[in-house]
Amino acid sequence: MDTIITWKNLTGTFLKSELTDVLTALAVLLPALGAAALLRRMAGNRLTRWAEQGGSSLDPQHAKRLLGSLYWFLNLGAVYAFFESLEMEQGAQALMGHLFLILFTLTTISLIFNALRFFLDIYLRKQGSSLAGTRGKVVLPVVKGVVWVLALAFILDNFGVKVGTLLAGLGVAGVAVGFAAQAILGDLFSYFAILFDRPFAIGDFIIVGDLMGTVEHIGLKTSRIRSLAGEQIIIANSDLTGARVKNYQRMSRRRVVFSFGVLYSTPSVKLEAVPGFVKSIIEKTPKTTFDRAHFFRFGDSSLDFEVVYYVESPDFNEYMDTQECINLAIFRKFEEEGVGFAFPTRTIYMRQPEG
């Protein structure tokens, strides 16, 4: 006698719902999945076009990853709602519950991590940088590792594993490790302070205490600076955040103060004309802004003048070229006018003994 294949024979005790109920749930599920896929594709295309037009402050790749995570999260929610609408045997229902717990945890981690990467990239781009080209790439694996540890603890706890005892043991060990690695942790926190506060970036010329040079690398524990003499200086991040840092890369203009002295024998008429000579010379020099020039002191062997002007460039070599040009022009002008530069002199009067 032939066996008649029925819906009950196919599903057994695993599924108690009727075929009509399953078909009804599928009729809701499939259009929902299709709509989610369509919205993901439309949003991805729109973001790509927006980025190509140059009007975007975000990386379309990060946006697509976030959309992908959100897409799978919504799909998983729809599938979960589909199975929840069906009547299943108790053991099968418990099995599906554990399976969905793991899947929801994984998709939630992916969603949170991609959202963090997306918004961190937006923040860095507003600061004039980006996640792809900066030290933010080092931060994300650390954050990802912490999130995965928390997710594993959450899953184990839901499966009945006593996570509290394990975490307490790890906490005691963590305190011991923390005391042993206090300096390392201090440098690590300083690294995060440099990352988000951005007092300097790779390529900036900085002065820290008596050290100066160009920043070449910013690491988790140390940073590297290339000095003017050519050697590489390795300095702890905590030393950088705890010191006064002069960043010359962010200087838009350079204030220059210099002085010179003329002879005491210089006539007063020419002495009064000296500030005008200097002002005229500086105003004719490219990329400079004159501020002031004054006869400000009677020196030991000279009449001293002080001059202040601005070089409209942060470049040190350009400043030196400008100062050289001004010095030569002043020297030539003083030669024409008969004004002599003073130098330290001492007059000694010799007296012959009487008798």
C-alpha atoms as a PDB file:
ATOM      1  CA  MET A   1       0.000   0.000   0.000  1.00  0.00           C
ATOM      2  CA  ASP A   2       1.497   3.374  -1.077  1.00  0.00           C
ATOM      3  CA  THR A   3       2.173   5.932   1.611  1.00  0.00           C
ATOM      4  CA  ILE A   4       0.353   9.211   1.147  1.00  0.00           C
ATOM      5  CA  ILE A   5       2.700  12.171   1.617  1.00  0.00           C
ATOM      6  CA  THR A   6       0.980  14.831   3.651  1.00  0.00           C
ATOM      7  CA  TRP A   7       2.092  18.127   5.253  1.00  0.00           C
ATOM      8  CA  LYS A   8       2.169  16.410   8.650  1.00  0.00           C
ATOM      9  CA  ASN A   9       4.426  13.668   7.301  1.00  0.00           C
ATOM     10  CA  LEU A  10       6.886  16.282   6.002  1.00  0.00           C
ATOM     11  CA  THR A  11       7.033  18.391   9.131  1.00  0.00           C
ATOM     12  CA  GLY A  12       6.532  15.674  11.744  1.00  0.00           C
ATOM     13  CA  THR A  13       6.407  17.031  15.280  1.00  0.00           C
ATOM     14  CA  PHE A  14       8.876  19.813  14.476  1.00  0.00           C
ATOM     15  CA  LEU A  15       6.231  22.143  13.069  1.00  0.00           C
ATOM     16  CA  LYS A  16       2.629  22.176  14.275  1.00  0.00           C
ATOM     17  CA  SER A  17       1.327  24.996  12.061  1.00  0.00           C
ATOM     18  CA  GLU A  18      -0.836  24.238   9.052  1.00  0.00           C
ATOM     19  CA  LEU A  19       0.382  24.698   5.497  1.00  0.00           C
ATOM     20  CA  THR A  20      -1.928  27.686   4.994  1.00  0.00           C
ATOM     21  CA  ASP A  21      -0.379  29.428   8.005  1.00  0.00           C
ATOM     22  CA  VAL A  22       3.124  28.855   6.628  1.00  0.00           C
ATOM     23  CA  LEU A  23       2.150  30.165   3.190  1.00  0.00           C
ATOM     24  CA  THR A  24       0.535  33.231   4.739  1.00  0.00           C
ATOM     25  CA  ALA A  25       3.697  33.987   6.743  1.00  0.00           C
ATOM     26  CA  LEU A  26       5.832  33.494   3.619  1.00  0.00           C
ATOM     27  CA  ALA A  27       3.567  35.880   1.695  1.00  0.00           C
ATOM     28  CA  VAL A  28       4.522  38.547   4.243  1.00  0.00           C
ATOM     29  CA  LEU A  29       8.188  37.578   4.595  1.00  0.00           C
ATOM     30  CA  LEU A  30       9.249  37.490   0.945  1.00  0.00           C
ATOM     31  CA  PRO A  31       8.015  41.000  -0.009  1.00  0.00           C
ATOM     32  CA  ALA A  32       9.654  42.350   3.162  1.00  0.00           C
ATOM     33  CA  LEU A  33      13.001  40.815   2.163  1.00  0.00           C
ATOM     34  CA  GLY A  34      12.650  42.143  -1.373  1.00  0.00           C
ATOM     35  CA  ALA A  35      11.813  45.655  -0.144  1.00  0.00           C
ATOM     36  CA  ALA A  36      14.840  45.652   2.165  1.00  0.00           C
ATOM     37  CA  ALA A  37      17.132  44.602  -0.704  1.00  0.00           C
ATOM     38  CA  LEU A  38      15.677  47.288  -2.984  1.00  0.00           C
ATOM     39  CA  LEU A  39      16.103  50.033  -0.369  1.00  0.00           C
ATOM     40  CA  ARG A  40      19.688  48.961   0.282  1.00  0.00           C
ATOM     41  CA  ARG A  41      20.553  49.126  -3.415  1.00  0.00           C
ATOM     42  CA  MET A  42      18.868  52.517  -3.898  1.00  0.00           C
ATOM     43  CA  ALA A  43      20.599  54.026  -0.850  1.00  0.00           C
ATOM     44  CA  GLY A  44      23.979  52.630  -1.936  1.00  0.00           C
ATOM     45  CA  ASN A  45      23.658  54.072  -5.459  1.00  0.00           C
ATOM     46  CA  ARG A  46      22.610  57.446  -4.098  1.00  0.00           C
ATOM     47  CA  LEU A  47      25.582  57.592  -1.728  1.00  0.00           C
ATOM     48  CA  THR A  48      27.976  56.660  -4.542  1.00  0.00           C
ATOM     49  CA  ARG A  49      26.632  59.420  -6.813  1.00  0.00           C
ATOM     50  CA  TRP A  50      26.772  61.922  -3.961  1.00  0.00           C
ATOM     51  CA  ALA A  51      30.419  61.089  -3.246  1.00  0.00           C
ATOM     52  CA  GLU A  52      31.386  61.278  -6.947  1.00  0.00           C
ATOM     53  CA  GLN A  53      29.857  64.759  -7.189  1.00  0.00           C
ATOM     54  CA  GLY A  54      32.178  65.910  -4.395  1.00  0.00           C
ATOM     55  CA  GLY A  55      29.415  67.002  -2.060  1.00  0.00           C
ATOM     56  CA  SER A  56      29.908  64.327   0.553  1.00  0.00           C
ATOM     57  CA  SER A  57      31.751  64.504   3.856  1.00  0.00           C
ATOM     58  CA  LEU A  58      31.742  60.718   4.228  1.00  0.00           C
ATOM     59  CA  ASP A  59      33.404  57.698   2.692  1.00  0.00           C
ATOM     60  CA  PRO A  60      30.826  55.753   0.607  1.00  0.00           C
ATOM     61  CA  GLN A  61      32.557  52.469   1.508  1.00  0.00           C
ATOM     62  CA  HIS A  62      31.883  52.998   5.214  1.00  0.00           C
ATOM     63  CA  ALA A  63      28.297  53.988   4.408  1.00  0.00           C
ATOM     64  CA  LYS A  64      27.802  50.831   2.329  1.00  0.00           C
ATOM     65  CA  ARG A  65      29.157  48.654   5.140  1.00  0.00           C
ATOM     66  CA  LEU A  66      26.734  50.266   7.556  1.00  0.00           C
ATOM     67  CA  LEU A  67      23.856  49.782   5.111  1.00  0.00           C
ATOM     68  CA  GLY A  68      24.873  46.139   4.670  1.00  0.00           C
ATOM     69  CA  SER A  69      24.855  45.509   8.420  1.00  0.00           C
ATOM     70  CA  LEU A  70      21.500  47.231   8.771  1.00  0.00           C
ATOM     71  CA  TYR A  71      20.135  45.207   5.845  1.00  0.00           C
ATOM     72  CA  TRP A  72      21.097  41.857   7.390  1.00  0.00           C
ATOM     73  CA  PHE A  73      19.819  42.971  10.798  1.00  0.00           C
ATOM     74  CA  LEU A  74      16.406  43.807   9.315  1.00  0.00           C
ATOM     75  CA  ASN A  75      16.356  40.562   7.321  1.00  0.00           C
ATOM     76  CA  LEU A  76      17.128  38.583  10.445  1.00  0.00           C
ATOM     77  CA  GLY A  77      14.348  40.408  12.281  1.00  0.00           C
ATOM     78  CA  ALA A  78      11.909  39.535   9.494  1.00  0.00           C
ATOM     79  CA  VAL A  79      12.931  35.848   9.542  1.00  0.00           C
ATOM     80  CA  TYR A  80      12.627  35.808  13.327  1.00  0.00           C
ATOM     81  CA  ALA A  81       9.101  37.258  13.068  1.00  0.00           C
ATOM     82  CA  PHE A  82       8.298  34.588  10.469  1.00  0.00           C
ATOM     83  CA  PHE A  83       9.275  31.709  12.782  1.00  0.00           C
ATOM     84  CA  GLU A  84       7.603  33.365  15.762  1.00  0.00           C
ATOM     85  CA  SER A  85       4.308  33.375  13.852  1.00  0.00           C
ATOM     86  CA  LEU A  86       4.509  29.581  13.465  1.00  0.00           C
ATOM     87  CA  GLU A  87       3.685  26.982  16.082  1.00  0.00           C
ATOM     88  CA  MET A  88       6.622  24.644  16.707  1.00  0.00           C
ATOM     89  CA  GLU A  89       7.459  21.804  19.055  1.00  0.00           C
ATOM     90  CA  GLN A  90       9.010  23.002  22.348  1.00  0.00           C
ATOM     91  CA  GLY A  91      12.479  21.563  21.736  1.00  0.00           C
ATOM     92  CA  ALA A  92      12.572  22.963  18.222  1.00  0.00           C
ATOM     93  CA  GLN A  93      11.437  26.352  19.505  1.00  0.00           C
ATOM     94  CA  ALA A  94      14.237  26.381  22.115  1.00  0.00           C
ATOM     95  CA  LEU A  95      16.779  25.418  19.460  1.00  0.00           C
ATOM     96  CA  MET A  96      15.592  28.219  17.164  1.00  0.00           C
ATOM     97  CA  GLY A  97      15.749  30.636  20.103  1.00  0.00           C
ATOM     98  CA  HIS A  98      19.414  29.821  20.769  1.00  0.00           C
ATOM     99  CA  LEU A  99      20.222  30.041  17.061  1.00  0.00           C
ATOM    100  CA  PHE A 100      18.589  33.453  16.712  1.00  0.00           C
ATOM    101  CA  LEU A 101      20.322  34.667  19.883  1.00  0.00           C
ATOM    102  CA  ILE A 102      23.715  33.923  18.319  1.00  0.00           C
ATOM    103  CA  LEU A 103      22.746  35.416  14.955  1.00  0.00           C
ATOM    104  CA  PHE A 104      21.270  38.570  16.520  1.00  0.00           C
ATOM    105  CA  THR A 105      24.407  39.032  18.634  1.00  0.00           C
ATOM    106  CA  LEU A 106      26.675  38.731  15.577  1.00  0.00           C
ATOM    107  CA  THR A 107      24.610  41.079  13.417  1.00  0.00           C
ATOM    108  CA  THR A 108      24.272  43.599  16.262  1.00  0.00           C
ATOM    109  CA  ILE A 109      28.054  43.642  16.748  1.00  0.00           C
ATOM    110  CA  SER A 110      28.533  44.186  13.028  1.00  0.00           C
ATOM    111  CA  LEU A 111      25.952  46.986  13.047  1.00  0.00           C
ATOM    112  CA  ILE A 112      27.479  48.743  16.071  1.00  0.00           C
ATOM    113  CA  PHE A 113      31.037  48.422  14.772  1.00  0.00           C
ATOM    114  CA  ASN A 114      30.192  49.710  11.277  1.00  0.00           C
ATOM    115  CA  ALA A 115      28.164  52.572  12.784  1.00  0.00           C
ATOM    116  CA  LEU A 116      31.138  53.494  14.982  1.00  0.00           C
ATOM    117  CA  ARG A 117      33.481  53.398  11.972  1.00  0.00           C
ATOM    118  CA  PHE A 118      31.007  55.461   9.908  1.00  0.00           C
ATOM    119  CA  PHE A 119      30.565  58.260  12.486  1.00  0.00           C
ATOM    120  CA  LEU A 120      34.253  58.255  13.470  1.00  0.00           C
ATOM    121  CA  ASP A 121      35.181  58.782   9.814  1.00  0.00           C
ATOM    122  CA  ILE A 122      32.729  61.706   9.581  1.00  0.00           C
ATOM    123  CA  TYR A 123      34.260  63.240  12.722  1.00  0.00           C
ATOM    124  CA  LEU A 124      37.825  62.885  11.400  1.00  0.00           C
ATOM    125  CA  ARG A 125      36.866  64.327   7.999  1.00  0.00           C
ATOM    126  CA  LYS A 126      35.431  67.404   9.707  1.00  0.00           C
ATOM    127  CA  GLN A 127      38.819  67.745  11.439  1.00  0.00           C
ATOM    128  CA  GLY A 128      40.548  67.658   8.050  1.00  0.00           C
ATOM    129  CA  SER A 129      41.584  64.001   8.169  1.00  0.00           C
ATOM    130  CA  SER A 130      40.025  60.603   7.446  1.00  0.00           C
ATOM    131  CA  LEU A 131      39.816  57.156   8.979  1.00  0.00           C
ATOM    132  CA  ALA A 132      41.656  55.497   6.088  1.00  0.00           C
ATOM    133  CA  GLY A 133      44.693  57.750   6.272  1.00  0.00           C
ATOM    134  CA  THR A 134      45.148  58.240  10.013  1.00  0.00           C
ATOM    135  CA  ARG A 135      45.869  56.423  13.213  1.00  0.00           C
ATOM    136  CA  GLY A 136      42.143  55.723  13.640  1.00  0.00           C
ATOM    137  CA  LYS A 137      42.825  52.387  11.935  1.00  0.00           C
ATOM    138  CA  VAL A 138      44.681  51.313  15.081  1.00  0.00           C
ATOM    139  CA  VAL A 139      41.790  52.235  17.399  1.00  0.00           C
ATOM    140  CA  LEU A 140      39.143  50.176  15.635  1.00  0.00           C
ATOM    141  CA  PRO A 141      40.732  46.729  16.196  1.00  0.00           C
ATOM    142  CA  VAL A 142      41.009  47.552  19.916  1.00  0.00           C
ATOM    143  CA  VAL A 143      37.341  48.559  20.096  1.00  0.00           C
ATOM    144  CA  LYS A 144      36.339  45.555  18.008  1.00  0.00           C
ATOM    145  CA  GLY A 145      38.210  43.197  20.332  1.00  0.00           C
ATOM    146  CA  VAL A 146      36.471  44.645  23.405  1.00  0.00           C
ATOM    147  CA  VAL A 147      33.045  44.368  21.763  1.00  0.00           C
ATOM    148  CA  TRP A 148      33.666  40.736  20.766  1.00  0.00           C
ATOM    149  CA  VAL A 149      34.698  39.829  24.314  1.00  0.00           C
ATOM    150  CA  LEU A 150      31.503  41.404  25.669  1.00  0.00           C
ATOM    151  CA  ALA A 151      29.436  39.603  23.034  1.00  0.00           C
ATOM    152  CA  LEU A 152      31.009  36.248  23.908  1.00  0.00           C
ATOM    153  CA  ALA A 153      30.274  36.837  27.596  1.00  0.00           C
ATOM    154  CA  PHE A 154      26.662  37.693  26.731  1.00  0.00           C
ATOM    155  CA  ILE A 155      26.191  34.499  24.684  1.00  0.00           C
ATOM    156  CA  LEU A 156      27.808  32.289  27.328  1.00  0.00           C
ATOM    157  CA  ASP A 157      25.674  33.837  30.036  1.00  0.00           C
ATOM    158  CA  ASN A 158      22.507  33.073  28.064  1.00  0.00           C
ATOM    159  CA  PHE A 159      23.649  29.475  27.627  1.00  0.00           C
ATOM    160  CA  GLY A 160      23.958  29.069  31.388  1.00  0.00           C
ATOM    161  CA  VAL A 161      27.698  29.534  31.824  1.00  0.00           C
ATOM    162  CA  LYS A 162      28.616  31.371  35.051  1.00  0.00           C
ATOM    163  CA  VAL A 163      30.326  34.348  33.503  1.00  0.00           C
ATOM    164  CA  GLY A 164      30.339  36.373  36.732  1.00  0.00           C
ATOM    165  CA  THR A 165      32.941  34.143  38.412  1.00  0.00           C
ATOM    166  CA  LEU A 166      35.134  34.223  35.318  1.00  0.00           C
ATOM    167  CA  LEU A 167      34.913  38.019  35.068  1.00  0.00           C
ATOM    168  CA  ALA A 168      35.723  38.385  38.774  1.00  0.00           C
ATOM    169  CA  GLY A 169      38.896  36.327  38.301  1.00  0.00           C
ATOM    170  CA  LEU A 170      39.822  38.341  35.258  1.00  0.00           C
ATOM    171  CA  GLY A 171      39.180  41.533  37.227  1.00  0.00           C
ATOM    172  CA  VAL A 172      41.685  40.572  39.946  1.00  0.00           C
ATOM    173  CA  ALA A 173      44.244  39.624  37.307  1.00  0.00           C
ATOM    174  CA  GLY A 174      43.499  42.861  35.452  1.00  0.00           C
ATOM    175  CA  VAL A 175      44.297  44.943  38.543  1.00  0.00           C
ATOM    176  CA  ALA A 176      47.665  43.206  38.906  1.00  0.00           C
ATOM    177  CA  VAL A 177      48.446  43.676  35.212  1.00  0.00           C
ATOM    178  CA  GLY A 178      47.288  47.293  35.427  1.00  0.00           C
ATOM    179  CA  PHE A 179      49.796  48.099  38.189  1.00  0.00           C
ATOM    180  CA  ALA A 180      52.547  46.341  36.258  1.00  0.00           C
ATOM    181  CA  ALA A 181      51.725  48.121  32.996  1.00  0.00           C
ATOM    182  CA  GLN A 182      50.829  51.538  34.402  1.00  0.00           C
ATOM    183  CA  ALA A 183      53.305  53.396  32.188  1.00  0.00           C
ATOM    184  CA  ILE A 184      52.164  51.529  29.080  1.00  0.00           C
ATOM    185  CA  LEU A 185      48.506  52.273  29.811  1.00  0.00           C
ATOM    186  CA  GLY A 186      49.377  55.935  30.391  1.00  0.00           C
ATOM    187  CA  ASP A 187      50.975  56.108  26.942  1.00  0.00           C
ATOM    188  CA  LEU A 188      47.970  54.303  25.442  1.00  0.00           C
ATOM    189  CA  PHE A 189      45.499  56.814  26.913  1.00  0.00           C
ATOM    190  CA  SER A 190      47.753  59.618  25.728  1.00  0.00           C
ATOM    191  CA  TYR A 191      47.576  58.105  22.235  1.00  0.00           C
ATOM    192  CA  PHE A 192      43.765  58.360  22.306  1.00  0.00           C
ATOM    193  CA  ALA A 193      44.074  61.949  23.548  1.00  0.00           C
ATOM    194  CA  ILE A 194      46.327  62.773  20.569  1.00  0.00           C
ATOM    195  CA  LEU A 195      43.939  60.981  18.211  1.00  0.00           C
ATOM    196  CA  PHE A 196      40.826  62.915  19.182  1.00  0.00           C
ATOM    197  CA  ASP A 197      42.303  66.255  20.287  1.00  0.00           C
ATOM    198  CA  ARG A 198      44.796  66.354  17.369  1.00  0.00           C
ATOM    199  CA  PRO A 199      47.377  68.826  18.738  1.00  0.00           C
ATOM    200  CA  PHE A 200      49.581  67.760  15.820  1.00  0.00           C
ATOM    201  CA  ALA A 201      49.548  65.385  12.869  1.00  0.00           C
ATOM    202  CA  ILE A 202      52.055  63.446  10.805  1.00  0.00           C
ATOM    203  CA  GLY A 203      54.143  65.910   8.797  1.00  0.00           C
ATOM    204  CA  ASP A 204      53.847  68.788  11.310  1.00  0.00           C
ATOM    205  CA  PHE A 205      56.975  70.557  12.535  1.00  0.00           C
ATOM    206  CA  ILE A 206      56.818  70.762  16.336  1.00  0.00           C
ATOM    207  CA  ILE A 207      58.960  71.802  19.288  1.00  0.00           C
ATOM    208  CA  VAL A 208      58.643  69.859  22.549  1.00  0.00           C
ATOM    209  CA  GLY A 209      60.880  71.233  25.288  1.00  0.00           C
ATOM    210  CA  ASP A 210      64.395  71.313  23.824  1.00  0.00           C
ATOM    211  CA  LEU A 211      63.479  68.868  21.025  1.00  0.00           C
ATOM    212  CA  MET A 212      62.295  69.889  17.577  1.00  0.00           C
ATOM    213  CA  GLY A 213      61.538  68.142  14.314  1.00  0.00           C
ATOM    214  CA  THR A 214      58.921  66.774  11.924  1.00  0.00           C
ATOM    215  CA  VAL A 215      56.418  64.184  13.174  1.00  0.00           C
ATOM    216  CA  GLU A 216      56.890  60.938  11.228  1.00  0.00           C
ATOM    217  CA  HIS A 217      54.824  58.407  13.165  1.00  0.00           C
ATOM    218  CA  ILE A 218      52.273  58.339  15.997  1.00  0.00           C
ATOM    219  CA  GLY A 219      52.030  54.909  17.619  1.00  0.00           C
ATOM    220  CA  LEU A 220      50.148  53.365  20.501  1.00  0.00           C
ATOM    221  CA  LYS A 221      53.018  53.913  22.948  1.00  0.00           C
ATOM    222  CA  THR A 222      55.562  56.198  21.303  1.00  0.00           C
ATOM    223  CA  SER A 223      55.795  58.777  18.536  1.00  0.00           C
ATOM    224  CA  ARG A 224      58.746  59.438  16.246  1.00  0.00           C
ATOM    225  CA  ILE A 225      60.123  62.836  15.295  1.00  0.00           C
ATOM    226  CA  ARG A 226      62.770  63.513  12.638  1.00  0.00           C
ATOM    227  CA  SER A 227      65.063  66.283  13.896  1.00  0.00           C
ATOM    228  CA  LEU A 228      66.692  68.974  11.763  1.00  0.00           C
ATOM    229  CA  ALA A 229      70.035  67.192  12.161  1.00  0.00           C
ATOM    230  CA  GLY A 230      68.539  64.049  10.646  1.00  0.00           C
ATOM    231  CA  GLU A 231      68.328  61.665  13.595  1.00  0.00           C
ATOM    232  CA  GLN A 232      65.039  60.093  14.672  1.00  0.00           C
ATOM    233  CA  ILE A 233      63.776  61.025  18.128  1.00  0.00           C
ATOM    234  CA  ILE A 234      61.464  58.515  19.838  1.00  0.00           C
ATOM    235  CA  ILE A 235      59.335  60.051  22.573  1.00  0.00           C
ATOM    236  CA  ALA A 236      56.606  58.542  24.783  1.00  0.00           C
ATOM    237  CA  ASN A 237      53.068  59.746  24.099  1.00  0.00           C
ATOM    238  CA  SER A 238      52.583  60.650  27.767  1.00  0.00           C
ATOM    239  CA  ASP A 239      55.570  63.023  27.489  1.00  0.00           C
ATOM    240  CA  LEU A 240      53.958  64.683  24.470  1.00  0.00           C
ATOM    241  CA  THR A 241      50.572  65.227  26.113  1.00  0.00           C
ATOM    242  CA  GLY A 242      52.197  66.410  29.356  1.00  0.00           C
ATOM    243  CA  ALA A 243      54.448  69.021  27.718  1.00  0.00           C
ATOM    244  CA  ARG A 244      53.938  72.340  25.961  1.00  0.00           C
ATOM    245  CA  VAL A 245      53.991  71.622  22.228  1.00  0.00           C
ATOM    246  CA  LYS A 246      54.680  74.360  19.678  1.00  0.00           C
ATOM    247  CA  ASN A 247      53.163  73.411  16.314  1.00  0.00           C
ATOM    248  CA  TYR A 248      54.680  75.546  13.551  1.00  0.00           C
ATOM    249  CA  GLN A 249      52.719  73.772  10.822  1.00  0.00           C
ATOM    250  CA  ARG A 250      49.528  75.580  11.866  1.00  0.00           C
ATOM    251  CA  MET A 251      51.159  78.989  11.838  1.00  0.00           C
ATOM    252  CA  SER A 252      49.638  81.114   9.060  1.00  0.00           C
ATOM    253  CA  ARG A 253      52.165  83.972   9.401  1.00  0.00           C
ATOM    254  CA  ARG A 254      55.457  84.497  11.239  1.00  0.00           C
ATOM    255  CA  ARG A 255      56.133  87.521  13.482  1.00  0.00           C
ATOM    256  CA  VAL A 256      59.732  88.658  13.190  1.00  0.00           C
ATOM    257  CA  VAL A 257      61.538  90.941  15.643  1.00  0.00           C
ATOM    258  CA  PHE A 258      65.101  92.068  14.963  1.00  0.00           C
ATOM    259  CA  SER A 259      67.314  94.928  16.080  1.00  0.00           C
ATOM    260  CA  PHE A 260      70.452  96.738  15.007  1.00  0.00           C
ATOM    261  CA  GLY A 261      72.595  99.600  16.271  1.00  0.00           C
ATOM    262  CA  VAL A 262      74.105 102.665  14.623  1.00  0.00           C
ATOM    263  CA  LEU A 263      77.036 104.816  15.661  1.00  0.00           C
ATOM    264  CA  TYR A 264      76.683 107.498  18.342  1.00  0.00           C
ATOM    265  CA  SER A 265      78.224 109.890  15.849  1.00  0.00           C
ATOM    266  CA  THR A 266      75.166 109.591  13.543  1.00  0.00           C
ATOM    267  CA  PRO A 267      73.500 113.009  13.025  1.00  0.00           C
ATOM    268  CA  SER A 268      70.042 113.393  14.559  1.00  0.00           C
ATOM    269  CA  VAL A 269      68.469 114.133  11.161  1.00  0.00           C
ATOM    270  CA  LYS A 270      69.609 110.796   9.767  1.00  0.00           C
ATOM    271  CA  LEU A 271      68.727 109.094  13.048  1.00  0.00           C
ATOM    272  CA  GLU A 272      65.122 110.270  12.635  1.00  0.00           C
ATOM    273  CA  ALA A 273      65.086 108.996   9.043  1.00  0.00           C
ATOM    274  CA  VAL A 274      66.188 105.436   9.871  1.00  0.00           C
ATOM    275  CA  PRO A 275      62.664 104.088  10.774  1.00  0.00           C
ATOM    276  CA  GLY A 276      61.354 105.446   7.466  1.00  0.00           C
ATOM    277  CA  PHE A 277      64.194 103.755   5.549  1.00  0.00           C
ATOM    278  CA  VAL A 278      63.407 100.401   7.159  1.00  0.00           C
ATOM    279  CA  LYS A 279      59.646 100.761   6.661  1.00  0.00           C
ATOM    280  CA  SER A 280      60.103 101.490   2.940  1.00  0.00           C
ATOM    281  CA  ILE A 281      62.404  98.477   2.505  1.00  0.00           C
ATOM    282  CA  ILE A 282      60.054  96.039   4.241  1.00  0.00           C
ATOM    283  CA  GLU A 283      56.971  97.274   2.388  1.00  0.00           C
ATOM    284  CA  LYS A 284      58.746  96.654  -0.938  1.00  0.00           C
ATOM    285  CA  THR A 285      59.680  93.090   0.061  1.00  0.00           C
ATOM    286  CA  PRO A 286      57.192  90.441  -1.181  1.00  0.00           C
ATOM    287  CA  LYS A 287      55.011  88.557   1.324  1.00  0.00           C
ATOM    288  CA  THR A 288      55.746  90.908   4.225  1.00  0.00           C
ATOM    289  CA  THR A 289      53.621  93.214   6.380  1.00  0.00           C
ATOM    290  CA  PHE A 290      55.365  96.069   8.204  1.00  0.00           C
ATOM    291  CA  ASP A 291      54.397  96.621  11.839  1.00  0.00           C
ATOM    292  CA  ARG A 292      56.764  99.125  13.444  1.00  0.00           C
ATOM    293  CA  ALA A 293      60.359 100.433  13.627  1.00  0.00           C
ATOM    294  CA  HIS A 294      61.619 102.487  16.598  1.00  0.00           C
ATOM    295  CA  PHE A 295      64.754 103.978  18.087  1.00  0.00           C
ATOM    296  CA  PHE A 296      64.275 102.322  21.447  1.00  0.00           C
ATOM    297  CA  ARG A 297      67.518 102.312  23.448  1.00  0.00           C
ATOM    298  CA  PHE A 298      70.824 103.976  24.145  1.00  0.00           C
ATOM    299  CA  GLY A 299      73.159 101.003  24.131  1.00  0.00           C
ATOM    300  CA  ASP A 300      76.630 100.755  25.617  1.00  0.00           C
ATOM    301  CA  SER A 301      78.253 101.410  22.262  1.00  0.00           C
ATOM    302  CA  SER A 302      75.328 101.974  19.861  1.00  0.00           C
ATOM    303  CA  LEU A 303      71.992 103.682  19.290  1.00  0.00           C
ATOM    304  CA  ASP A 304      69.650 100.706  19.051  1.00  0.00           C
ATOM    305  CA  PHE A 305      66.613 100.287  16.786  1.00  0.00           C
ATOM    306  CA  GLU A 306      63.964  97.573  17.016  1.00  0.00           C
ATOM    307  CA  VAL A 307      61.917  96.440  13.999  1.00  0.00           C
ATOM    308  CA  VAL A 308      58.804  94.242  13.890  1.00  0.00           C
ATOM    309  CA  TYR A 309      57.225  92.832  10.735  1.00  0.00           C
ATOM    310  CA  TYR A 310      55.296  89.743   9.560  1.00  0.00           C
ATOM    311  CA  VAL A 311      56.216  87.165   6.945  1.00  0.00           C
ATOM    312  CA  GLU A 312      52.961  85.956   5.365  1.00  0.00           C
ATOM    313  CA  SER A 313      54.121  82.343   5.230  1.00  0.00           C
ATOM    314  CA  PRO A 314      54.888  79.673   7.852  1.00  0.00           C
ATOM    315  CA  ASP A 315      57.816  78.286   5.858  1.00  0.00           C
ATOM    316  CA  PHE A 316      61.118  78.737   7.723  1.00  0.00           C
ATOM    317  CA  ASN A 317      63.295  78.837   4.610  1.00  0.00           C
ATOM    318  CA  GLU A 318      61.089  81.530   3.108  1.00  0.00           C
ATOM    319  CA  TYR A 319      61.420  83.545   6.330  1.00  0.00           C
ATOM    320  CA  MET A 320      65.213  83.263   6.189  1.00  0.00           C
ATOM    321  CA  ASP A 321      65.269  84.341   2.521  1.00  0.00           C
ATOM    322  CA  THR A 322      63.081  87.341   3.380  1.00  0.00           C
ATOM    323  CA  GLN A 323      65.223  88.372   6.344  1.00  0.00           C
ATOM    324  CA  GLU A 324      68.364  88.115   4.221  1.00  0.00           C
ATOM    325  CA  CYS A 325      66.800  90.314   1.537  1.00  0.00           C
ATOM    326  CA  ILE A 326      65.823  92.946   4.137  1.00  0.00           C
ATOM    327  CA  ASN A 327      69.266  92.898   5.781  1.00  0.00           C
ATOM    328  CA  LEU A 328      71.053  93.431   2.456  1.00  0.00           C
ATOM    329  CA  ALA A 329      68.670  96.242   1.495  1.00  0.00           C
ATOM    330  CA  ILE A 330      69.238  98.005   4.852  1.00  0.00           C
ATOM    331  CA  PHE A 331      73.003  97.650   4.470  1.00  0.00           C
ATOM    332  CA  ARG A 332      72.931  99.168   0.953  1.00  0.00           C
ATOM    333  CA  LYS A 333      70.647 102.016   2.089  1.00  0.00           C
ATOM    334  CA  PHE A 334      72.881 102.866   5.039  1.00  0.00           C
ATOM    335  CA  GLU A 335      75.892 102.910   2.706  1.00  0.00           C
ATOM    336  CA  GLU A 336      74.099 105.425   0.470  1.00  0.00           C
ATOM    337  CA  GLU A 337      73.073 107.628   3.407  1.00  0.00           C
ATOM    338  CA  GLY A 338      76.385 107.454   5.228  1.00  0.00           C
ATOM    339  CA  VAL A 339      74.929 105.782   8.320  1.00  0.00           C
ATOM    340  CA  GLY A 340      77.391 103.444  10.020  1.00  0.00           C
ATOM    341  CA  PHE A 341      76.578 100.289  11.925  1.00  0.00           C
ATOM    342  CA  ALA A 342      77.880 100.230  15.468  1.00  0.00           C
ATOM    343  CA  PHE A 343      79.942  97.475  16.974  1.00  0.00           C
ATOM    344  CA  PRO A 344      81.240  97.055  20.520  1.00  0.00           C
ATOM    345  CA  THR A 345      84.080  99.548  21.116  1.00  0.00           C
ATOM    346  CA  ARG A 346      86.059 100.653  24.158  1.00  0.00           C
ATOM    347  CA  THR A 347      88.212 103.740  24.462  1.00  0.00           C
ATOM    348  CA  ILE A 348      91.179 103.524  26.809  1.00  0.00           C
ATOM    349  CA  TYR A 349      92.849 106.725  28.004  1.00  0.00           C
ATOM    350  CA  MET A 350      96.519 106.269  28.877  1.00  0.00           C
ATOM    351  CA  ARG A 351      97.966 108.588  31.479  1.00  0.00           C
ATOM    352  CA  GLN A 352     101.659 109.143  31.913  1.00  0.00           C
ATOM    353  CA  PRO A 353     102.876 109.157  35.534  1.00  0.00           C
ATOM    354  CA  GLU A 354     104.008 112.610  36.756  1.00  0.00           C
ATOM    355  CA  GLY A 355     107.640 113.291  37.287  1.00  0.00           C
END
